[in-house]
Amino acid sequence: REVLTLEELYQLSVGFIERGVTKLRITGGE
């Protein structure tokens, strides 16, 4: 329950892209 949902992860990523992030690496864990 503490982990972000896939929808929240996407929303978060879009927020970073709109602020100039051009490279996104998905990590973990695995």
ModelCIF file with pLDDT and N, C-alpha, C, O atoms, coordinates in Angstrom:
data_MODEL
#
_entry.id   MODEL 
#
_entity.id                         1 
_entity.type                       polymer 
_entity.pdbx_number_of_molecules   1 
#
_entity_poly.entity_id                      1 
_entity_poly.type                           'polypeptide(L)' 
_entity_poly.nstd_linkage                   no 
_entity_poly.nstd_monomer                   no 
_entity_poly.pdbx_seq_one_letter_code       REVLTLEELYQLSVGFIERGVTKLRITGGE 
_entity_poly.pdbx_seq_one_letter_code_can   REVLTLEELYQLSVGFIERGVTKLRITGGE 
_entity_poly.pdbx_strand_id                 A 
#
loop_
_entity_poly_seq.entity_id 
_entity_poly_seq.num 
_entity_poly_seq.mon_id 
_entity_poly_seq.hetero 
1 1  ARG n 
1 2  GLU n 
1 3  VAL n 
1 4  LEU n 
1 5  THR n 
1 6  LEU n 
1 7  GLU n 
1 8  GLU n 
1 9  LEU n 
1 10 TYR n 
1 11 GLN n 
1 12 LEU n 
1 13 SER n 
1 14 VAL n 
1 15 GLY n 
1 16 PHE n 
1 17 ILE n 
1 18 GLU n 
1 19 ARG n 
1 20 GLY n 
1 21 VAL n 
1 22 THR n 
1 23 LYS n 
1 24 LEU n 
1 25 ARG n 
1 26 ILE n 
1 27 THR n 
1 28 GLY n 
1 29 GLY n 
1 30 GLU n 
#
_struct_asym.id          A 
_struct_asym.entity_id   1 
#
loop_
_ma_qa_metric.id 
_ma_qa_metric.mode 
_ma_qa_metric.name 
_ma_qa_metric.software_group_id 
_ma_qa_metric.type 
1 global pLDDT . pLDDT 
2 local  pLDDT . pLDDT 
#
_ma_qa_metric_global.metric_id      1 
_ma_qa_metric_global.metric_value   95.53 
_ma_qa_metric_global.model_id       1 
_ma_qa_metric_global.ordinal_id     1 
#
loop_
_ma_qa_metric_local.label_asym_id 
_ma_qa_metric_local.label_comp_id 
_ma_qa_metric_local.label_seq_id 
_ma_qa_metric_local.metric_id 
_ma_qa_metric_local.metric_value 
_ma_qa_metric_local.model_id 
_ma_qa_metric_local.ordinal_id 
A ARG 1  2 87.00 1 1  
A GLU 2  2 92.00 1 2  
A VAL 3  2 95.00 1 3  
A LEU 4  2 97.00 1 4  
A THR 5  2 96.00 1 5  
A LEU 6  2 96.00 1 6  
A GLU 7  2 96.00 1 7  
A GLU 8  2 96.00 1 8  
A LEU 9  2 97.00 1 9  
A TYR 10 2 97.00 1 10 
A GLN 11 2 95.00 1 11 
A LEU 12 2 96.00 1 12 
A SER 13 2 97.00 1 13 
A VAL 14 2 95.00 1 14 
A GLY 15 2 95.00 1 15 
A PHE 16 2 96.00 1 16 
A ILE 17 2 96.00 1 17 
A GLU 18 2 94.00 1 18 
A ARG 19 2 95.00 1 19 
A GLY 20 2 96.00 1 20 
A VAL 21 2 97.00 1 21 
A THR 22 2 97.00 1 22 
A LYS 23 2 97.00 1 23 
A LEU 24 2 98.00 1 24 
A ARG 25 2 97.00 1 25 
A ILE 26 2 98.00 1 26 
A THR 27 2 97.00 1 27 
A GLY 28 2 93.00 1 28 
A GLY 29 2 92.00 1 29 
A GLU 30 2 96.00 1 30 
#
loop_
_atom_site.group_PDB 
_atom_site.id 
_atom_site.type_symbol 
_atom_site.label_atom_id 
_atom_site.label_alt_id 
_atom_site.label_comp_id 
_atom_site.label_asym_id 
_atom_site.label_entity_id 
_atom_site.label_seq_id 
_atom_site.pdbx_PDB_ins_code 
_atom_site.Cartn_x 
_atom_site.Cartn_y 
_atom_site.Cartn_z 
_atom_site.occupancy 
_atom_site.B_iso_or_equiv 
_atom_site.pdbx_formal_charge 
_atom_site.auth_seq_id 
_atom_site.auth_comp_id 
_atom_site.auth_asym_id 
_atom_site.auth_atom_id 
_atom_site.pdbx_PDB_model_num 
ATOM 1   N N  . ARG A 1 1  ? 0.824  -1.219 0.000   1.00 87.00 ? 1  ARG A N  1 
ATOM 2   C CA . ARG A 1 1  ? 0.000  0.000  0.000   1.00 87.00 ? 1  ARG A CA 1 
ATOM 3   C C  . ARG A 1 1  ? 0.856  1.266  0.000   1.00 87.00 ? 1  ARG A C  1 
ATOM 4   O O  . ARG A 1 1  ? 0.379  2.339  -0.370  1.00 87.00 ? 1  ARG A O  1 
ATOM 5   N N  . GLU A 1 2  ? 2.105  1.146  0.409   1.00 92.00 ? 2  GLU A N  1 
ATOM 6   C CA . GLU A 1 2  ? 2.974  2.319  0.441   1.00 92.00 ? 2  GLU A CA 1 
ATOM 7   C C  . GLU A 1 2  ? 3.608  2.620  -0.912  1.00 92.00 ? 2  GLU A C  1 
ATOM 8   O O  . GLU A 1 2  ? 4.128  3.713  -1.136  1.00 92.00 ? 2  GLU A O  1 
ATOM 9   N N  . VAL A 1 3  ? 3.560  1.634  -1.814  1.00 95.00 ? 3  VAL A N  1 
ATOM 10  C CA . VAL A 1 3  ? 4.210  1.774  -3.113  1.00 95.00 ? 3  VAL A CA 1 
ATOM 11  C C  . VAL A 1 3  ? 3.291  2.503  -4.088  1.00 95.00 ? 3  VAL A C  1 
ATOM 12  O O  . VAL A 1 3  ? 2.081  2.273  -4.095  1.00 95.00 ? 3  VAL A O  1 
ATOM 13  N N  . LEU A 1 4  ? 3.854  3.365  -4.896  1.00 97.00 ? 4  LEU A N  1 
ATOM 14  C CA . LEU A 1 4  ? 3.074  4.096  -5.883  1.00 97.00 ? 4  LEU A CA 1 
ATOM 15  C C  . LEU A 1 4  ? 2.422  3.139  -6.881  1.00 97.00 ? 4  LEU A C  1 
ATOM 16  O O  . LEU A 1 4  ? 3.014  2.127  -7.256  1.00 97.00 ? 4  LEU A O  1 
ATOM 17  N N  . THR A 1 5  ? 1.210  3.462  -7.304  1.00 96.00 ? 5  THR A N  1 
ATOM 18  C CA . THR A 1 5  ? 0.544  2.681  -8.333  1.00 96.00 ? 5  THR A CA 1 
ATOM 19  C C  . THR A 1 5  ? 1.209  2.957  -9.681  1.00 96.00 ? 5  THR A C  1 
ATOM 20  O O  . THR A 1 5  ? 1.970  3.915  -9.819  1.00 96.00 ? 5  THR A O  1 
ATOM 21  N N  . LEU A 1 6  ? 0.920  2.118  -10.668 1.00 96.00 ? 6  LEU A N  1 
ATOM 22  C CA . LEU A 1 6  ? 1.464  2.353  -12.002 1.00 96.00 ? 6  LEU A CA 1 
ATOM 23  C C  . LEU A 1 6  ? 0.975  3.693  -12.553 1.00 96.00 ? 6  LEU A C  1 
ATOM 24  O O  . LEU A 1 6  ? 1.717  4.401  -13.234 1.00 96.00 ? 6  LEU A O  1 
ATOM 25  N N  . GLU A 1 7  ? -0.274 4.030  -12.252 1.00 96.00 ? 7  GLU A N  1 
ATOM 26  C CA . GLU A 1 7  ? -0.808 5.314  -12.703 1.00 96.00 ? 7  GLU A CA 1 
ATOM 27  C C  . GLU A 1 7  ? -0.048 6.473  -12.076 1.00 96.00 ? 7  GLU A C  1 
ATOM 28  O O  . GLU A 1 7  ? 0.258  7.457  -12.750 1.00 96.00 ? 7  GLU A O  1 
ATOM 29  N N  . GLU A 1 8  ? 0.258  6.360  -10.782 1.00 96.00 ? 8  GLU A N  1 
ATOM 30  C CA . GLU A 1 8  ? 1.011  7.422  -10.106 1.00 96.00 ? 8  GLU A CA 1 
ATOM 31  C C  . GLU A 1 8  ? 2.436  7.509  -10.645 1.00 96.00 ? 8  GLU A C  1 
ATOM 32  O O  . GLU A 1 8  ? 2.976  8.604  -10.798 1.00 96.00 ? 8  GLU A O  1 
ATOM 33  N N  . LEU A 1 9  ? 3.043  6.365  -10.930 1.00 97.00 ? 9  LEU A N  1 
ATOM 34  C CA . LEU A 1 9  ? 4.395  6.363  -11.493 1.00 97.00 ? 9  LEU A CA 1 
ATOM 35  C C  . LEU A 1 9  ? 4.412  7.051  -12.848 1.00 97.00 ? 9  LEU A C  1 
ATOM 36  O O  . LEU A 1 9  ? 5.349  7.783  -13.167 1.00 97.00 ? 9  LEU A O  1 
ATOM 37  N N  . TYR A 1 10 ? 3.379  6.818  -13.641 1.00 97.00 ? 10 TYR A N  1 
ATOM 38  C CA . TYR A 1 10 ? 3.285  7.470  -14.947 1.00 97.00 ? 10 TYR A CA 1 
ATOM 39  C C  . TYR A 1 10 ? 3.089  8.980  -14.776 1.00 97.00 ? 10 TYR A C  1 
ATOM 40  O O  . TYR A 1 10 ? 3.759  9.778  -15.431 1.00 97.00 ? 10 TYR A O  1 
ATOM 41  N N  . GLN A 1 11 ? 2.177  9.354  -13.902 1.00 95.00 ? 11 GLN A N  1 
ATOM 42  C CA . GLN A 1 11 ? 1.919  10.774 -13.653 1.00 95.00 ? 11 GLN A CA 1 
ATOM 43  C C  . GLN A 1 11 ? 3.186  11.479 -13.186 1.00 95.00 ? 11 GLN A C  1 
ATOM 44  O O  . GLN A 1 11 ? 3.495  12.586 -13.626 1.00 95.00 ? 11 GLN A O  1 
ATOM 45  N N  . LEU A 1 12 ? 3.905  10.826 -12.297 1.00 96.00 ? 12 LEU A N  1 
ATOM 46  C CA . LEU A 1 12 ? 5.153  11.381 -11.784 1.00 96.00 ? 12 LEU A CA 1 
ATOM 47  C C  . LEU A 1 12 ? 6.163  11.567 -12.908 1.00 96.00 ? 12 LEU A C  1 
ATOM 48  O O  . LEU A 1 12 ? 6.812  12.608 -13.006 1.00 96.00 ? 12 LEU A O  1 
ATOM 49  N N  . SER A 1 13 ? 6.290  10.545 -13.756 1.00 97.00 ? 13 SER A N  1 
ATOM 50  C CA . SER A 1 13 ? 7.242  10.603 -14.861 1.00 97.00 ? 13 SER A CA 1 
ATOM 51  C C  . SER A 1 13 ? 6.923  11.751 -15.801 1.00 97.00 ? 13 SER A C  1 
ATOM 52  O O  . SER A 1 13 ? 7.821  12.470 -16.240 1.00 97.00 ? 13 SER A O  1 
ATOM 53  N N  . VAL A 1 14 ? 5.651  11.924 -16.109 1.00 95.00 ? 14 VAL A N  1 
ATOM 54  C CA . VAL A 1 14 ? 5.243  13.013 -16.996 1.00 95.00 ? 14 VAL A CA 1 
ATOM 55  C C  . VAL A 1 14 ? 5.598  14.366 -16.371 1.00 95.00 ? 14 VAL A C  1 
ATOM 56  O O  . VAL A 1 14 ? 6.020  15.285 -17.072 1.00 95.00 ? 14 VAL A O  1 
ATOM 57  N N  . GLY A 1 15 ? 5.429  14.482 -15.064 1.00 95.00 ? 15 GLY A N  1 
ATOM 58  C CA . GLY A 1 15 ? 5.793  15.713 -14.387 1.00 95.00 ? 15 GLY A CA 1 
ATOM 59  C C  . GLY A 1 15 ? 7.271  16.041 -14.547 1.00 95.00 ? 15 GLY A C  1 
ATOM 60  O O  . GLY A 1 15 ? 7.639  17.200 -14.738 1.00 95.00 ? 15 GLY A O  1 
ATOM 61  N N  . PHE A 1 16 ? 8.111  15.022 -14.469 1.00 96.00 ? 16 PHE A N  1 
ATOM 62  C CA . PHE A 1 16 ? 9.552  15.234 -14.656 1.00 96.00 ? 16 PHE A CA 1 
ATOM 63  C C  . PHE A 1 16 ? 9.867  15.583 -16.103 1.00 96.00 ? 16 PHE A C  1 
ATOM 64  O O  . PHE A 1 16 ? 10.685 16.465 -16.365 1.00 96.00 ? 16 PHE A O  1 
ATOM 65  N N  . ILE A 1 17 ? 9.231  14.904 -17.035 1.00 96.00 ? 17 ILE A N  1 
ATOM 66  C CA . ILE A 1 17 ? 9.473  15.188 -18.454 1.00 96.00 ? 17 ILE A CA 1 
ATOM 67  C C  . ILE A 1 17 ? 9.125  16.627 -18.771 1.00 96.00 ? 17 ILE A C  1 
ATOM 68  O O  . ILE A 1 17 ? 9.835  17.292 -19.526 1.00 96.00 ? 17 ILE A O  1 
ATOM 69  N N  . GLU A 1 18 ? 8.032  17.112 -18.197 1.00 94.00 ? 18 GLU A N  1 
ATOM 70  C CA . GLU A 1 18 ? 7.626  18.490 -18.439 1.00 94.00 ? 18 GLU A CA 1 
ATOM 71  C C  . GLU A 1 18 ? 8.587  19.499 -17.832 1.00 94.00 ? 18 GLU A C  1 
ATOM 72  O O  . GLU A 1 18 ? 8.572  20.674 -18.199 1.00 94.00 ? 18 GLU A O  1 
ATOM 73  N N  . ARG A 1 19 ? 9.423  19.045 -16.902 1.00 95.00 ? 19 ARG A N  1 
ATOM 74  C CA . ARG A 1 19 ? 10.436 19.919 -16.305 1.00 95.00 ? 19 ARG A CA 1 
ATOM 75  C C  . ARG A 1 19 ? 11.814 19.702 -16.925 1.00 95.00 ? 19 ARG A C  1 
ATOM 76  O O  . ARG A 1 19 ? 12.812 20.186 -16.391 1.00 95.00 ? 19 ARG A O  1 
ATOM 77  N N  . GLY A 1 20 ? 11.881 18.982 -18.043 1.00 96.00 ? 20 GLY A N  1 
ATOM 78  C CA . GLY A 1 20 ? 13.144 18.888 -18.768 1.00 96.00 ? 20 GLY A CA 1 
ATOM 79  C C  . GLY A 1 20 ? 13.895 17.587 -18.650 1.00 96.00 ? 20 GLY A C  1 
ATOM 80  O O  . GLY A 1 20 ? 14.997 17.474 -19.186 1.00 96.00 ? 20 GLY A O  1 
ATOM 81  N N  . VAL A 1 21 ? 13.344 16.593 -17.965 1.00 97.00 ? 21 VAL A N  1 
ATOM 82  C CA . VAL A 1 21 ? 13.999 15.282 -17.916 1.00 97.00 ? 21 VAL A CA 1 
ATOM 83  C C  . VAL A 1 21 ? 13.834 14.605 -19.269 1.00 97.00 ? 21 VAL A C  1 
ATOM 84  O O  . VAL A 1 21 ? 12.715 14.449 -19.759 1.00 97.00 ? 21 VAL A O  1 
ATOM 85  N N  . THR A 1 22 ? 14.943 14.206 -19.868 1.00 97.00 ? 22 THR A N  1 
ATOM 86  C CA . THR A 1 22 ? 14.916 13.586 -21.194 1.00 97.00 ? 22 THR A CA 1 
ATOM 87  C C  . THR A 1 22 ? 15.258 12.102 -21.161 1.00 97.00 ? 22 THR A C  1 
ATOM 88  O O  . THR A 1 22 ? 14.996 11.384 -22.126 1.00 97.00 ? 22 THR A O  1 
ATOM 89  N N  . LYS A 1 23 ? 15.835 11.641 -20.068 1.00 97.00 ? 23 LYS A N  1 
ATOM 90  C CA . LYS A 1 23 ? 16.200 10.227 -19.940 1.00 97.00 ? 23 LYS A CA 1 
ATOM 91  C C  . LYS A 1 23 ? 15.559 9.666  -18.684 1.00 97.00 ? 23 LYS A C  1 
ATOM 92  O O  . LYS A 1 23 ? 15.680 10.239 -17.601 1.00 97.00 ? 23 LYS A O  1 
ATOM 93  N N  . LEU A 1 24 ? 14.877 8.540  -18.839 1.00 98.00 ? 24 LEU A N  1 
ATOM 94  C CA . LEU A 1 24 ? 14.186 7.904  -17.727 1.00 98.00 ? 24 LEU A CA 1 
ATOM 95  C C  . LEU A 1 24 ? 14.626 6.458  -17.630 1.00 98.00 ? 24 LEU A C  1 
ATOM 96  O O  . LEU A 1 24 ? 14.462 5.683  -18.572 1.00 98.00 ? 24 LEU A O  1 
ATOM 97  N N  . ARG A 1 25 ? 15.188 6.096  -16.483 1.00 97.00 ? 25 ARG A N  1 
ATOM 98  C CA . ARG A 1 25 ? 15.597 4.708  -16.237 1.00 97.00 ? 25 ARG A CA 1 
ATOM 99  C C  . ARG A 1 25 ? 14.698 4.117  -15.159 1.00 97.00 ? 25 ARG A C  1 
ATOM 100 O O  . ARG A 1 25 ? 14.585 4.666  -14.063 1.00 97.00 ? 25 ARG A O  1 
ATOM 101 N N  . ILE A 1 26 ? 14.066 3.003  -15.473 1.00 98.00 ? 26 ILE A N  1 
ATOM 102 C CA . ILE A 1 26 ? 13.241 2.283  -14.509 1.00 98.00 ? 26 ILE A CA 1 
ATOM 103 C C  . ILE A 1 26 ? 14.136 1.325  -13.735 1.00 98.00 ? 26 ILE A C  1 
ATOM 104 O O  . ILE A 1 26 ? 14.895 0.553  -14.320 1.00 98.00 ? 26 ILE A O  1 
ATOM 105 N N  . THR A 1 27 ? 14.033 1.388  -12.393 1.00 97.00 ? 27 THR A N  1 
ATOM 106 C CA . THR A 1 27 ? 14.897 0.585  -11.532 1.00 97.00 ? 27 THR A CA 1 
ATOM 107 C C  . THR A 1 27 ? 14.071 -0.103 -10.458 1.00 97.00 ? 27 THR A C  1 
ATOM 108 O O  . THR A 1 27 ? 12.842 -0.033 -10.454 1.00 97.00 ? 27 THR A O  1 
ATOM 109 N N  . GLY A 1 28 ? 14.771 -0.769 -9.548  1.00 93.00 ? 28 GLY A N  1 
ATOM 110 C CA . GLY A 1 28 ? 14.168 -1.413 -8.396  1.00 93.00 ? 28 GLY A CA 1 
ATOM 111 C C  . GLY A 1 28 ? 15.171 -1.377 -7.262  1.00 93.00 ? 28 GLY A C  1 
ATOM 112 O O  . GLY A 1 28 ? 15.958 -0.438 -7.144  1.00 93.00 ? 28 GLY A O  1 
ATOM 113 N N  . GLY A 1 29 ? 15.137 -2.428 -6.410  1.00 92.00 ? 29 GLY A N  1 
ATOM 114 C CA . GLY A 1 29 ? 14.652 -3.759 -6.623  1.00 92.00 ? 29 GLY A CA 1 
ATOM 115 C C  . GLY A 1 29 ? 14.866 -4.285 -8.015  1.00 92.00 ? 29 GLY A C  1 
ATOM 116 O O  . GLY A 1 29 ? 15.722 -3.815 -8.765  1.00 92.00 ? 29 GLY A O  1 
ATOM 117 N N  . GLU A 1 30 ? 14.067 -5.273 -8.337  1.00 96.00 ? 30 GLU A N  1 
ATOM 118 C CA . GLU A 1 30 ? 14.039 -5.814 -9.693  1.00 96.00 ? 30 GLU A CA 1 
ATOM 119 C C  . GLU A 1 30 ? 12.743 -5.362 -10.346 1.00 96.00 ? 30 GLU A C  1 
ATOM 120 O O  . GLU A 1 30 ? 12.486 -5.695 -11.503 1.00 96.00 ? 30 GLU A O  1 
#
